[in-house]
Amino acid sequence: MRSRVMFFSLMNLFAGLWLLVAPYALNYRSGSAAYANDLFFGAVITVLAGVRLLGAYRSAWISWIIALIGVWLIVAPFVLGYLESNPRYNDIITGAFVVIFAVASALSSPTTVETTRT
């Protein structure tokens, strides 16, 4: 179980790092809502996934927070109004992957598995 948590957390770590690089790689407008959103939440996902990866594999709540951030990434283009294709599609696709990996990580946690078995 720990290896599954670590794998899914590593995938979210990569997603967070991608969000930190995406504004530059995809040429977002500097200072735009998409630019700030990806830098901020990319940093948060990277830190939380790193904490989970480095030993907090029993703390499923961290993955649930990451999943909520993933949901935010999916809806952010519509809420914040950045409908340019690069940032919009990037956040929706990355957000979907973040949600999938975070939920898988949370459900693979030893505390979650022990609770569902009893």
PDB file of N, CA and C in Angstrom:
ATOM      1  N   MET A   1       0.812  -1.196   0.000  1.00  0.00           N
ATOM      2  CA  MET A   1       0.000   0.000   0.000  1.00  0.00           C
ATOM      3  C   MET A   1       0.856   1.260   0.000  1.00  0.00           C
ATOM      4  N   ARG A   2       1.924   1.209   0.756  1.00  0.00           N
ATOM      5  CA  ARG A   2       2.781   2.395   0.823  1.00  0.00           C
ATOM      6  C   ARG A   2       3.342   2.738  -0.545  1.00  0.00           C
ATOM      7  N   SER A   3       3.704   1.721  -1.324  1.00  0.00           N
ATOM      8  CA  SER A   3       4.266   1.996  -2.650  1.00  0.00           C
ATOM      9  C   SER A   3       3.227   2.637  -3.571  1.00  0.00           C
ATOM     10  N   ARG A   4       1.948   2.271  -3.420  1.00  0.00           N
ATOM     11  CA  ARG A   4       0.901   2.900  -4.222  1.00  0.00           C
ATOM     12  C   ARG A   4       0.727   4.362  -3.825  1.00  0.00           C
ATOM     13  N   VAL A   5       0.717   4.624  -2.522  1.00  0.00           N
ATOM     14  CA  VAL A   5       0.615   6.010  -2.044  1.00  0.00           C
ATOM     15  C   VAL A   5       1.781   6.823  -2.599  1.00  0.00           C
ATOM     16  N   MET A   6       2.974   6.250  -2.539  1.00  0.00           N
ATOM     17  CA  MET A   6       4.159   6.955  -3.019  1.00  0.00           C
ATOM     18  C   MET A   6       4.083   7.210  -4.525  1.00  0.00           C
ATOM     19  N   PHE A   7       3.618   6.221  -5.285  1.00  0.00           N
ATOM     20  CA  PHE A   7       3.508   6.397  -6.736  1.00  0.00           C
ATOM     21  C   PHE A   7       2.539   7.524  -7.073  1.00  0.00           C
ATOM     22  N   PHE A   8       1.335   7.479  -6.499  1.00  0.00           N
ATOM     23  CA  PHE A   8       0.334   8.503  -6.806  1.00  0.00           C
ATOM     24  C   PHE A   8       0.773   9.878  -6.309  1.00  0.00           C
ATOM     25  N   SER A   9       1.459   9.920  -5.180  1.00  0.00           N
ATOM     26  CA  SER A   9       1.973  11.195  -4.672  1.00  0.00           C
ATOM     27  C   SER A   9       3.074  11.739  -5.579  1.00  0.00           C
ATOM     28  N   LEU A  10       3.895  10.851  -6.100  1.00  0.00           N
ATOM     29  CA  LEU A  10       4.941  11.269  -7.038  1.00  0.00           C
ATOM     30  C   LEU A  10       4.320  11.853  -8.309  1.00  0.00           C
ATOM     31  N   MET A  11       3.249  11.234  -8.777  1.00  0.00           N
ATOM     32  CA  MET A  11       2.558  11.760  -9.963  1.00  0.00           C
ATOM     33  C   MET A  11       2.005  13.163  -9.692  1.00  0.00           C
ATOM     34  N   ASN A  12       1.470  13.372  -8.492  1.00  0.00           N
ATOM     35  CA  ASN A  12       0.974  14.708  -8.150  1.00  0.00           C
ATOM     36  C   ASN A  12       2.117  15.689  -7.957  1.00  0.00           C
ATOM     37  N   LEU A  13       3.237  15.229  -7.459  1.00  0.00           N
ATOM     38  CA  LEU A  13       4.411  16.090  -7.357  1.00  0.00           C
ATOM     39  C   LEU A  13       4.806  16.583  -8.751  1.00  0.00           C
ATOM     40  N   PHE A  14       4.822  15.678  -9.720  1.00  0.00           N
ATOM     41  CA  PHE A  14       5.134  16.064 -11.099  1.00  0.00           C
ATOM     42  C   PHE A  14       4.083  17.027 -11.654  1.00  0.00           C
ATOM     43  N   ALA A  15       2.814  16.791 -11.328  1.00  0.00           N
ATOM     44  CA  ALA A  15       1.748  17.697 -11.786  1.00  0.00           C
ATOM     45  C   ALA A  15       1.947  19.091 -11.194  1.00  0.00           C
ATOM     46  N   GLY A  16       2.305  19.145  -9.908  1.00  0.00           N
ATOM     47  CA  GLY A  16       2.577  20.441  -9.273  1.00  0.00           C
ATOM     48  C   GLY A  16       3.748  21.154  -9.918  1.00  0.00           C
ATOM     49  N   LEU A  17       4.802  20.397 -10.205  1.00  0.00           N
ATOM     50  CA  LEU A  17       5.958  20.996 -10.873  1.00  0.00           C
ATOM     51  C   LEU A  17       5.586  21.474 -12.271  1.00  0.00           C
ATOM     52  N   TRP A  18       4.748  20.713 -12.960  1.00  0.00           N
ATOM     53  CA  TRP A  18       4.296  21.148 -14.277  1.00  0.00           C
ATOM     54  C   TRP A  18       3.540  22.477 -14.175  1.00  0.00           C
ATOM     55  N   LEU A  19       2.686  22.595 -13.177  1.00  0.00           N
ATOM     56  CA  LEU A  19       1.936  23.847 -13.022  1.00  0.00           C
ATOM     57  C   LEU A  19       2.869  25.034 -12.764  1.00  0.00           C
ATOM     58  N   LEU A  20       3.986  24.781 -12.114  1.00  0.00           N
ATOM     59  CA  LEU A  20       4.963  25.847 -11.882  1.00  0.00           C
ATOM     60  C   LEU A  20       5.678  26.263 -13.171  1.00  0.00           C
ATOM     61  N   VAL A  21       5.826  25.339 -14.097  1.00  0.00           N
ATOM     62  CA  VAL A  21       6.533  25.597 -15.347  1.00  0.00           C
ATOM     63  C   VAL A  21       5.577  26.046 -16.459  1.00  0.00           C
ATOM     64  N   ALA A  22       4.335  25.608 -16.392  1.00  0.00           N
ATOM     65  CA  ALA A  22       3.366  25.832 -17.474  1.00  0.00           C
ATOM     66  C   ALA A  22       3.202  27.294 -17.899  1.00  0.00           C
ATOM     67  N   PRO A  23       3.136  28.248 -16.969  1.00  0.00           N
ATOM     68  CA  PRO A  23       2.967  29.639 -17.430  1.00  0.00           C
ATOM     69  C   PRO A  23       4.087  30.106 -18.359  1.00  0.00           C
ATOM     70  N   TYR A  24       5.269  29.558 -18.175  1.00  0.00           N
ATOM     71  CA  TYR A  24       6.400  29.933 -19.022  1.00  0.00           C
ATOM     72  C   TYR A  24       6.440  29.082 -20.285  1.00  0.00           C
ATOM     73  N   ALA A  25       6.184  27.796 -20.137  1.00  0.00           N
ATOM     74  CA  ALA A  25       6.223  26.888 -21.290  1.00  0.00           C
ATOM     75  C   ALA A  25       5.094  27.157 -22.275  1.00  0.00           C
ATOM     76  N   LEU A  26       3.935  27.556 -21.761  1.00  0.00           N
ATOM     77  CA  LEU A  26       2.771  27.779 -22.613  1.00  0.00           C
ATOM     78  C   LEU A  26       2.498  29.254 -22.870  1.00  0.00           C
ATOM     79  N   ASN A  27       3.416  30.118 -22.456  1.00  0.00           N
ATOM     80  CA  ASN A  27       3.340  31.568 -22.718  1.00  0.00           C
ATOM     81  C   ASN A  27       2.054  32.222 -22.213  1.00  0.00           C
ATOM     82  N   TYR A  28       1.751  32.015 -20.919  1.00  0.00           N
ATOM     83  CA  TYR A  28       0.617  32.731 -20.333  1.00  0.00           C
ATOM     84  C   TYR A  28       0.964  34.212 -20.275  1.00  0.00           C
ATOM     85  N   ARG A  29      -0.056  35.056 -20.283  1.00  0.00           N
ATOM     86  CA  ARG A  29       0.181  36.488 -20.093  1.00  0.00           C
ATOM     87  C   ARG A  29       0.688  36.715 -18.664  1.00  0.00           C
ATOM     88  N   SER A  30       1.800  37.380 -18.529  1.00  0.00           N
ATOM     89  CA  SER A  30       2.364  37.662 -17.215  1.00  0.00           C
ATOM     90  C   SER A  30       1.387  38.500 -16.396  1.00  0.00           C
ATOM     91  N   GLY A  31       1.159  38.089 -15.160  1.00  0.00           N
ATOM     92  CA  GLY A  31       0.256  38.815 -14.279  1.00  0.00           C
ATOM     93  C   GLY A  31      -1.203  38.446 -14.447  1.00  0.00           C
ATOM     94  N   SER A  32      -1.510  37.522 -15.352  1.00  0.00           N
ATOM     95  CA  SER A  32      -2.904  37.122 -15.557  1.00  0.00           C
ATOM     96  C   SER A  32      -3.363  36.215 -14.417  1.00  0.00           C
ATOM     97  N   ALA A  33      -4.662  36.025 -14.336  1.00  0.00           N
ATOM     98  CA  ALA A  33      -5.222  35.142 -13.309  1.00  0.00           C
ATOM     99  C   ALA A  33      -4.710  33.721 -13.481  1.00  0.00           C
ATOM    100  N   ALA A  34      -4.598  33.261 -14.711  1.00  0.00           N
ATOM    101  CA  ALA A  34      -4.107  31.899 -14.976  1.00  0.00           C
ATOM    102  C   ALA A  34      -2.661  31.758 -14.511  1.00  0.00           C
ATOM    103  N   TYR A  35      -1.872  32.760 -14.772  1.00  0.00           N
ATOM    104  CA  TYR A  35      -0.462  32.779 -14.384  1.00  0.00           C
ATOM    105  C   TYR A  35      -0.330  32.645 -12.869  1.00  0.00           C
ATOM    106  N   ALA A  36      -1.017  33.499 -12.143  1.00  0.00           N
ATOM    107  CA  ALA A  36      -0.955  33.477 -10.676  1.00  0.00           C
ATOM    108  C   ALA A  36      -1.547  32.201 -10.103  1.00  0.00           C
ATOM    109  N   ASN A  37      -2.666  31.757 -10.655  1.00  0.00           N
ATOM    110  CA  ASN A  37      -3.338  30.554 -10.169  1.00  0.00           C
ATOM    111  C   ASN A  37      -2.430  29.331 -10.300  1.00  0.00           C
ATOM    112  N   ASP A  38      -1.805  29.168 -11.465  1.00  0.00           N
ATOM    113  CA  ASP A  38      -0.951  27.996 -11.668  1.00  0.00           C
ATOM    114  C   ASP A  38       0.303  28.041 -10.806  1.00  0.00           C
ATOM    115  N   LEU A  39       0.893  29.217 -10.656  1.00  0.00           N
ATOM    116  CA  LEU A  39       2.086  29.302  -9.804  1.00  0.00           C
ATOM    117  C   LEU A  39       1.745  29.003  -8.339  1.00  0.00           C
ATOM    118  N   PHE A  40       0.648  29.579  -7.847  1.00  0.00           N
ATOM    119  CA  PHE A  40       0.284  29.377  -6.451  1.00  0.00           C
ATOM    120  C   PHE A  40      -0.091  27.918  -6.187  1.00  0.00           C
ATOM    121  N   PHE A  41      -1.031  27.396  -6.951  1.00  0.00           N
ATOM    122  CA  PHE A  41      -1.492  26.037  -6.688  1.00  0.00           C
ATOM    123  C   PHE A  41      -0.477  24.981  -7.110  1.00  0.00           C
ATOM    124  N   GLY A  42       0.376  25.311  -8.062  1.00  0.00           N
ATOM    125  CA  GLY A  42       1.475  24.408  -8.388  1.00  0.00           C
ATOM    126  C   GLY A  42       2.413  24.242  -7.205  1.00  0.00           C
ATOM    127  N   ALA A  43       2.701  25.360  -6.532  1.00  0.00           N
ATOM    128  CA  ALA A  43       3.566  25.300  -5.346  1.00  0.00           C
ATOM    129  C   ALA A  43       2.896  24.521  -4.219  1.00  0.00           C
ATOM    130  N   VAL A  44       1.596  24.764  -4.002  1.00  0.00           N
ATOM    131  CA  VAL A  44       0.879  24.074  -2.923  1.00  0.00           C
ATOM    132  C   VAL A  44       0.829  22.571  -3.190  1.00  0.00           C
ATOM    133  N   ILE A  45       0.495  22.178  -4.416  1.00  0.00           N
ATOM    134  CA  ILE A  45       0.448  20.746  -4.753  1.00  0.00           C
ATOM    135  C   ILE A  45       1.819  20.116  -4.607  1.00  0.00           C
ATOM    136  N   THR A  46       2.850  20.805  -5.070  1.00  0.00           N
ATOM    137  CA  THR A  46       4.212  20.267  -4.972  1.00  0.00           C
ATOM    138  C   THR A  46       4.605  20.029  -3.522  1.00  0.00           C
ATOM    139  N   VAL A  47       4.325  20.995  -2.652  1.00  0.00           N
ATOM    140  CA  VAL A  47       4.679  20.852  -1.233  1.00  0.00           C
ATOM    141  C   VAL A  47       3.874  19.726  -0.588  1.00  0.00           C
ATOM    142  N   LEU A  48       2.564  19.718  -0.786  1.00  0.00           N
ATOM    143  CA  LEU A  48       1.726  18.692  -0.148  1.00  0.00           C
ATOM    144  C   LEU A  48       2.045  17.300  -0.670  1.00  0.00           C
ATOM    145  N   ALA A  49       2.235  17.162  -1.968  1.00  0.00           N
ATOM    146  CA  ALA A  49       2.590  15.857  -2.525  1.00  0.00           C
ATOM    147  C   ALA A  49       3.972  15.426  -2.031  1.00  0.00           C
ATOM    148  N   GLY A  50       4.885  16.376  -1.903  1.00  0.00           N
ATOM    149  CA  GLY A  50       6.211  16.064  -1.368  1.00  0.00           C
ATOM    150  C   GLY A  50       6.152  15.591   0.071  1.00  0.00           C
ATOM    151  N   VAL A  51       5.328  16.228   0.889  1.00  0.00           N
ATOM    152  CA  VAL A  51       5.153  15.804   2.287  1.00  0.00           C
ATOM    153  C   VAL A  51       4.600  14.387   2.328  1.00  0.00           C
ATOM    154  N   ARG A  52       3.618  14.128   1.492  1.00  0.00           N
ATOM    155  CA  ARG A  52       3.005  12.797   1.429  1.00  0.00           C
ATOM    156  C   ARG A  52       4.026  11.765   0.960  1.00  0.00           C
ATOM    157  N   LEU A  53       4.814  12.125  -0.024  1.00  0.00           N
ATOM    158  CA  LEU A  53       5.813  11.234  -0.591  1.00  0.00           C
ATOM    159  C   LEU A  53       6.940  10.928   0.391  1.00  0.00           C
ATOM    160  N   LEU A  54       7.293  11.903   1.200  1.00  0.00           N
ATOM    161  CA  LEU A  54       8.441  11.742   2.099  1.00  0.00           C
ATOM    162  C   LEU A  54       8.099  11.125   3.453  1.00  0.00           C
ATOM    163  N   GLY A  55       6.897  10.607   3.606  1.00  0.00           N
ATOM    164  CA  GLY A  55       6.645   9.872   4.833  1.00  0.00           C
ATOM    165  C   GLY A  55       5.278   9.996   5.444  1.00  0.00           C
ATOM    166  N   ALA A  56       4.464  10.895   4.974  1.00  0.00           N
ATOM    167  CA  ALA A  56       3.131  11.042   5.558  1.00  0.00           C
ATOM    168  C   ALA A  56       2.139  10.151   4.809  1.00  0.00           C
ATOM    169  N   TYR A  57       2.544   8.894   4.585  1.00  0.00           N
ATOM    170  CA  TYR A  57       1.703   8.020   3.777  1.00  0.00           C
ATOM    171  C   TYR A  57       0.451   7.537   4.502  1.00  0.00           C
ATOM    172  N   ARG A  58       0.355   7.776   5.804  1.00  0.00           N
ATOM    173  CA  ARG A  58      -0.870   7.433   6.535  1.00  0.00           C
ATOM    174  C   ARG A  58      -1.846   8.619   6.617  1.00  0.00           C
ATOM    175  N   SER A  59      -1.423   9.772   6.179  1.00  0.00           N
ATOM    176  CA  SER A  59      -2.229  10.994   6.285  1.00  0.00           C
ATOM    177  C   SER A  59      -3.040  11.209   5.011  1.00  0.00           C
ATOM    178  N   ALA A  60      -4.121  10.455   4.873  1.00  0.00           N
ATOM    179  CA  ALA A  60      -4.955  10.533   3.675  1.00  0.00           C
ATOM    180  C   ALA A  60      -5.545  11.927   3.485  1.00  0.00           C
ATOM    181  N   TRP A  61      -5.738  12.664   4.570  1.00  0.00           N
ATOM    182  CA  TRP A  61      -6.341  13.989   4.468  1.00  0.00           C
ATOM    183  C   TRP A  61      -5.537  14.918   3.568  1.00  0.00           C
ATOM    184  N   ILE A  62      -4.225  14.719   3.502  1.00  0.00           N
ATOM    185  CA  ILE A  62      -3.393  15.550   2.627  1.00  0.00           C
ATOM    186  C   ILE A  62      -3.801  15.320   1.168  1.00  0.00           C
ATOM    187  N   SER A  63      -4.032  14.069   0.821  1.00  0.00           N
ATOM    188  CA  SER A  63      -4.445  13.768  -0.552  1.00  0.00           C
ATOM    189  C   SER A  63      -5.832  14.313  -0.854  1.00  0.00           C
ATOM    190  N   TRP A  64      -6.710  14.326   0.152  1.00  0.00           N
ATOM    191  CA  TRP A  64      -8.049  14.890  -0.076  1.00  0.00           C
ATOM    192  C   TRP A  64      -7.962  16.396  -0.336  1.00  0.00           C
ATOM    193  N   ILE A  65      -7.037  17.074   0.329  1.00  0.00           N
ATOM    194  CA  ILE A  65      -6.834  18.511   0.064  1.00  0.00           C
ATOM    195  C   ILE A  65      -6.308  18.699  -1.360  1.00  0.00           C
ATOM    196  N   ILE A  66      -5.373  17.848  -1.767  1.00  0.00           N
ATOM    197  CA  ILE A  66      -4.851  17.923  -3.135  1.00  0.00           C
ATOM    198  C   ILE A  66      -5.979  17.671  -4.140  1.00  0.00           C
ATOM    199  N   ALA A  67      -6.862  16.730  -3.835  1.00  0.00           N
ATOM    200  CA  ALA A  67      -7.999  16.454  -4.733  1.00  0.00           C
ATOM    201  C   ALA A  67      -8.888  17.689  -4.868  1.00  0.00           C
ATOM    202  N   LEU A  68      -9.131  18.387  -3.766  1.00  0.00           N
ATOM    203  CA  LEU A  68      -9.938  19.613  -3.828  1.00  0.00           C
ATOM    204  C   LEU A  68      -9.262  20.679  -4.690  1.00  0.00           C
ATOM    205  N   ILE A  69      -7.954  20.765  -4.589  1.00  0.00           N
ATOM    206  CA  ILE A  69      -7.221  21.709  -5.432  1.00  0.00           C
ATOM    207  C   ILE A  69      -7.371  21.308  -6.899  1.00  0.00           C
ATOM    208  N   GLY A  70      -7.346  20.009  -7.162  1.00  0.00           N
ATOM    209  CA  GLY A  70      -7.560  19.534  -8.530  1.00  0.00           C
ATOM    210  C   GLY A  70      -8.926  19.931  -9.064  1.00  0.00           C
ATOM    211  N   VAL A  71      -9.944  19.821  -8.222  1.00  0.00           N
ATOM    212  CA  VAL A  71     -11.286  20.258  -8.627  1.00  0.00           C
ATOM    213  C   VAL A  71     -11.265  21.756  -8.918  1.00  0.00           C
ATOM    214  N   TRP A  72     -10.592  22.512  -8.072  1.00  0.00           N
ATOM    215  CA  TRP A  72     -10.480  23.947  -8.305  1.00  0.00           C
ATOM    216  C   TRP A  72      -9.827  24.232  -9.663  1.00  0.00           C
ATOM    217  N   LEU A  73      -8.773  23.496  -9.989  1.00  0.00           N
ATOM    218  CA  LEU A  73      -8.101  23.717 -11.270  1.00  0.00           C
ATOM    219  C   LEU A  73      -9.050  23.489 -12.446  1.00  0.00           C
ATOM    220  N   ILE A  74      -9.950  22.542 -12.308  1.00  0.00           N
ATOM    221  CA  ILE A  74     -10.907  22.255 -13.381  1.00  0.00           C
ATOM    222  C   ILE A  74     -11.891  23.406 -13.563  1.00  0.00           C
ATOM    223  N   VAL A  75     -12.349  23.990 -12.474  1.00  0.00           N
ATOM    224  CA  VAL A  75     -13.361  25.053 -12.576  1.00  0.00           C
ATOM    225  C   VAL A  75     -12.755  26.456 -12.639  1.00  0.00           C
ATOM    226  N   ALA A  76     -11.492  26.614 -12.277  1.00  0.00           N
ATOM    227  CA  ALA A  76     -10.860  27.939 -12.215  1.00  0.00           C
ATOM    228  C   ALA A  76     -10.950  28.744 -13.508  1.00  0.00           C
ATOM    229  N   PRO A  77     -10.747  28.149 -14.680  1.00  0.00           N
ATOM    230  CA  PRO A  77     -10.841  28.966 -15.899  1.00  0.00           C
ATOM    231  C   PRO A  77     -12.206  29.646 -16.060  1.00  0.00           C
ATOM    232  N   PHE A  78     -13.251  28.988 -15.601  1.00  0.00           N
ATOM    233  CA  PHE A  78     -14.590  29.538 -15.742  1.00  0.00           C
ATOM    234  C   PHE A  78     -14.900  30.547 -14.635  1.00  0.00           C
ATOM    235  N   VAL A  79     -14.408  30.272 -13.433  1.00  0.00           N
ATOM    236  CA  VAL A  79     -14.637  31.176 -12.298  1.00  0.00           C
ATOM    237  C   VAL A  79     -13.800  32.446 -12.441  1.00  0.00           C
ATOM    238  N   LEU A  80     -12.536  32.277 -12.814  1.00  0.00           N
ATOM    239  CA  LEU A  80     -11.627  33.418 -12.917  1.00  0.00           C
ATOM    240  C   LEU A  80     -11.648  34.075 -14.295  1.00  0.00           C
ATOM    241  N   GLY A  81     -12.300  33.441 -15.252  1.00  0.00           N
ATOM    242  CA  GLY A  81     -12.492  34.037 -16.563  1.00  0.00           C
ATOM    243  C   GLY A  81     -11.309  33.995 -17.500  1.00  0.00           C
ATOM    244  N   TYR A  82     -10.397  33.060 -17.310  1.00  0.00           N
ATOM    245  CA  TYR A  82      -9.312  32.950 -18.298  1.00  0.00           C
ATOM    246  C   TYR A  82      -9.664  31.817 -19.263  1.00  0.00           C
ATOM    247  N   LEU A  83     -10.206  32.229 -20.374  1.00  0.00           N
ATOM    248  CA  LEU A  83     -10.713  31.260 -21.335  1.00  0.00           C
ATOM    249  C   LEU A  83      -9.813  31.113 -22.560  1.00  0.00           C
ATOM    250  N   GLU A  84      -8.582  31.680 -22.485  1.00  0.00           N
ATOM    251  CA  GLU A  84      -7.618  31.440 -23.552  1.00  0.00           C
ATOM    252  C   GLU A  84      -7.345  29.942 -23.585  1.00  0.00           C
ATOM    253  N   SER A  85      -7.138  29.396 -24.759  1.00  0.00           N
ATOM    254  CA  SER A  85      -7.082  27.940 -24.879  1.00  0.00           C
ATOM    255  C   SER A  85      -5.934  27.296 -24.106  1.00  0.00           C
ATOM    256  N   ASN A  86      -4.715  27.824 -24.163  1.00  0.00           N
ATOM    257  CA  ASN A  86      -3.599  27.167 -23.470  1.00  0.00           C
ATOM    258  C   ASN A  86      -3.826  27.045 -21.960  1.00  0.00           C
ATOM    259  N   PRO A  87      -4.052  28.143 -21.245  1.00  0.00           N
ATOM    260  CA  PRO A  87      -4.252  28.004 -19.797  1.00  0.00           C
ATOM    261  C   PRO A  87      -5.507  27.215 -19.438  1.00  0.00           C
ATOM    262  N   ARG A  88      -6.574  27.418 -20.176  1.00  0.00           N
ATOM    263  CA  ARG A  88      -7.828  26.737 -19.858  1.00  0.00           C
ATOM    264  C   ARG A  88      -7.668  25.226 -19.986  1.00  0.00           C
ATOM    265  N   TYR A  89      -7.211  24.764 -21.133  1.00  0.00           N
ATOM    266  CA  TYR A  89      -7.067  23.317 -21.337  1.00  0.00           C
ATOM    267  C   TYR A  89      -6.012  22.723 -20.416  1.00  0.00           C
ATOM    268  N   ASN A  90      -4.946  23.448 -20.195  1.00  0.00           N
ATOM    269  CA  ASN A  90      -3.911  22.949 -19.289  1.00  0.00           C
ATOM    270  C   ASN A  90      -4.471  22.730 -17.889  1.00  0.00           C
ATOM    271  N   ASP A  91      -5.205  23.693 -17.375  1.00  0.00           N
ATOM    272  CA  ASP A  91      -5.724  23.558 -16.013  1.00  0.00           C
ATOM    273  C   ASP A  91      -6.794  22.482 -15.909  1.00  0.00           C
ATOM    274  N   ILE A  92      -7.644  22.365 -16.906  1.00  0.00           N
ATOM    275  CA  ILE A  92      -8.687  21.336 -16.864  1.00  0.00           C
ATOM    276  C   ILE A  92      -8.060  19.942 -16.926  1.00  0.00           C
ATOM    277  N   ILE A  93      -7.122  19.740 -17.827  1.00  0.00           N
ATOM    278  CA  ILE A  93      -6.494  18.418 -17.968  1.00  0.00           C
ATOM    279  C   ILE A  93      -5.621  18.098 -16.758  1.00  0.00           C
ATOM    280  N   THR A  94      -4.792  19.043 -16.352  1.00  0.00           N
ATOM    281  CA  THR A  94      -3.932  18.813 -15.182  1.00  0.00           C
ATOM    282  C   THR A  94      -4.783  18.606 -13.935  1.00  0.00           C
ATOM    283  N   GLY A  95      -5.839  19.392 -13.773  1.00  0.00           N
ATOM    284  CA  GLY A  95      -6.735  19.238 -12.630  1.00  0.00           C
ATOM    285  C   GLY A  95      -7.369  17.866 -12.582  1.00  0.00           C
ATOM    286  N   ALA A  96      -7.768  17.339 -13.736  1.00  0.00           N
ATOM    287  CA  ALA A  96      -8.366  16.000 -13.777  1.00  0.00           C
ATOM    288  C   ALA A  96      -7.364  14.941 -13.328  1.00  0.00           C
ATOM    289  N   PHE A  97      -6.127  15.049 -13.810  1.00  0.00           N
ATOM    290  CA  PHE A  97      -5.101  14.103 -13.380  1.00  0.00           C
ATOM    291  C   PHE A  97      -4.823  14.233 -11.882  1.00  0.00           C
ATOM    292  N   VAL A  98      -4.759  15.452 -11.392  1.00  0.00           N
ATOM    293  CA  VAL A  98      -4.514  15.679  -9.965  1.00  0.00           C
ATOM    294  C   VAL A  98      -5.616  15.027  -9.124  1.00  0.00           C
ATOM    295  N   VAL A  99      -6.858  15.206  -9.523  1.00  0.00           N
ATOM    296  CA  VAL A  99      -7.976  14.594  -8.787  1.00  0.00           C
ATOM    297  C   VAL A  99      -7.839  13.074  -8.788  1.00  0.00           C
ATOM    298  N   ILE A 100      -7.596  12.498  -9.951  1.00  0.00           N
ATOM    299  CA  ILE A 100      -7.481  11.034 -10.054  1.00  0.00           C
ATOM    300  C   ILE A 100      -6.352  10.511  -9.176  1.00  0.00           C
ATOM    301  N   PHE A 101      -5.180  11.121  -9.277  1.00  0.00           N
ATOM    302  CA  PHE A 101      -4.034  10.661  -8.490  1.00  0.00           C
ATOM    303  C   PHE A 101      -4.246  10.885  -6.996  1.00  0.00           C
ATOM    304  N   ALA A 102      -4.831  12.001  -6.630  1.00  0.00           N
ATOM    305  CA  ALA A 102      -5.043  12.303  -5.211  1.00  0.00           C
ATOM    306  C   ALA A 102      -6.062  11.363  -4.586  1.00  0.00           C
ATOM    307  N   VAL A 103      -7.151  11.100  -5.277  1.00  0.00           N
ATOM    308  CA  VAL A 103      -8.157  10.167  -4.744  1.00  0.00           C
ATOM    309  C   VAL A 103      -7.563   8.769  -4.646  1.00  0.00           C
ATOM    310  N   ALA A 104      -6.818   8.356  -5.663  1.00  0.00           N
ATOM    311  CA  ALA A 104      -6.171   7.038  -5.609  1.00  0.00           C
ATOM    312  C   ALA A 104      -5.187   6.958  -4.447  1.00  0.00           C
ATOM    313  N   SER A 105      -4.450   8.023  -4.223  1.00  0.00           N
ATOM    314  CA  SER A 105      -3.506   8.054  -3.107  1.00  0.00           C
ATOM    315  C   SER A 105      -4.235   7.987  -1.763  1.00  0.00           C
ATOM    316  N   ALA A 106      -5.289   8.770  -1.634  1.00  0.00           N
ATOM    317  CA  ALA A 106      -6.056   8.769  -0.374  1.00  0.00           C
ATOM    318  C   ALA A 106      -6.658   7.397  -0.092  1.00  0.00           C
ATOM    319  N   LEU A 107      -7.201   6.778  -1.112  1.00  0.00           N
ATOM    320  CA  LEU A 107      -7.841   5.473  -0.923  1.00  0.00           C
ATOM    321  C   LEU A 107      -6.836   4.348  -0.730  1.00  0.00           C
ATOM    322  N   SER A 108      -5.578   4.598  -1.088  1.00  0.00           N
ATOM    323  CA  SER A 108      -4.518   3.602  -0.884  1.00  0.00           C
ATOM    324  C   SER A 108      -3.844   3.735   0.469  1.00  0.00           C
ATOM    325  N   SER A 109      -4.195   4.757   1.220  1.00  0.00           N
ATOM    326  CA  SER A 109      -3.560   5.001   2.519  1.00  0.00           C
ATOM    327  C   SER A 109      -3.890   3.878   3.493  1.00  0.00           C
ATOM    328  N   PRO A 110      -2.926   3.489   4.317  1.00  0.00           N
ATOM    329  CA  PRO A 110      -3.178   2.429   5.292  1.00  0.00           C
ATOM    330  C   PRO A 110      -4.364   2.729   6.208  1.00  0.00           C
ATOM    331  N   THR A 111      -4.542   3.967   6.630  1.00  0.00           N
ATOM    332  CA  THR A 111      -5.660   4.280   7.519  1.00  0.00           C
ATOM    333  C   THR A 111      -6.994   4.139   6.808  1.00  0.00           C
ATOM    334  N   THR A 112      -7.042   4.506   5.537  1.00  0.00           N
ATOM    335  CA  THR A 112      -8.279   4.372   4.767  1.00  0.00           C
ATOM    336  C   THR A 112      -8.606   2.910   4.546  1.00  0.00           C
ATOM    337  N   VAL A 113      -7.614   2.114   4.198  1.00  0.00           N
ATOM    338  CA  VAL A 113      -7.825   0.694   3.944  1.00  0.00           C
ATOM    339  C   VAL A 113      -8.236  -0.029   5.214  1.00  0.00           C
ATOM    340  N   GLU A 114      -7.588   0.299   6.353  1.00  0.00           N
ATOM    341  CA  GLU A 114      -7.937  -0.339   7.622  1.00  0.00           C
ATOM    342  C   GLU A 114      -9.364   0.006   8.045  1.00  0.00           C
ATOM    343  N   THR A 115      -9.782   1.232   7.810  1.00  0.00           N
ATOM    344  CA  THR A 115     -11.111   1.656   8.175  1.00  0.00           C
ATOM    345  C   THR A 115     -12.163   0.918   7.353  1.00  0.00           C
ATOM    346  N   THR A 116     -11.901   0.718   6.073  1.00  0.00           N
ATOM    347  CA  THR A 116     -12.898   0.078   5.211  1.00  0.00           C
ATOM    348  C   THR A 116     -12.961  -1.423   5.449  1.00  0.00           C
ATOM    349  N   ARG A 117     -11.939  -2.012   6.017  1.00  0.00           N
ATOM    350  CA  ARG A 117     -11.943  -3.459   6.275  1.00  0.00           C
ATOM    351  C   ARG A 117     -12.697  -3.828   7.547  1.00  0.00           C
ATOM    352  N   THR A 118     -12.808  -2.895   8.484  1.00  0.00           N
ATOM    353  CA  THR A 118     -13.452  -3.231   9.750  1.00  0.00           C
ATOM    354  C   THR A 118     -14.933  -3.037   9.703  1.00  0.00           C
TER     355      THR A 118
END
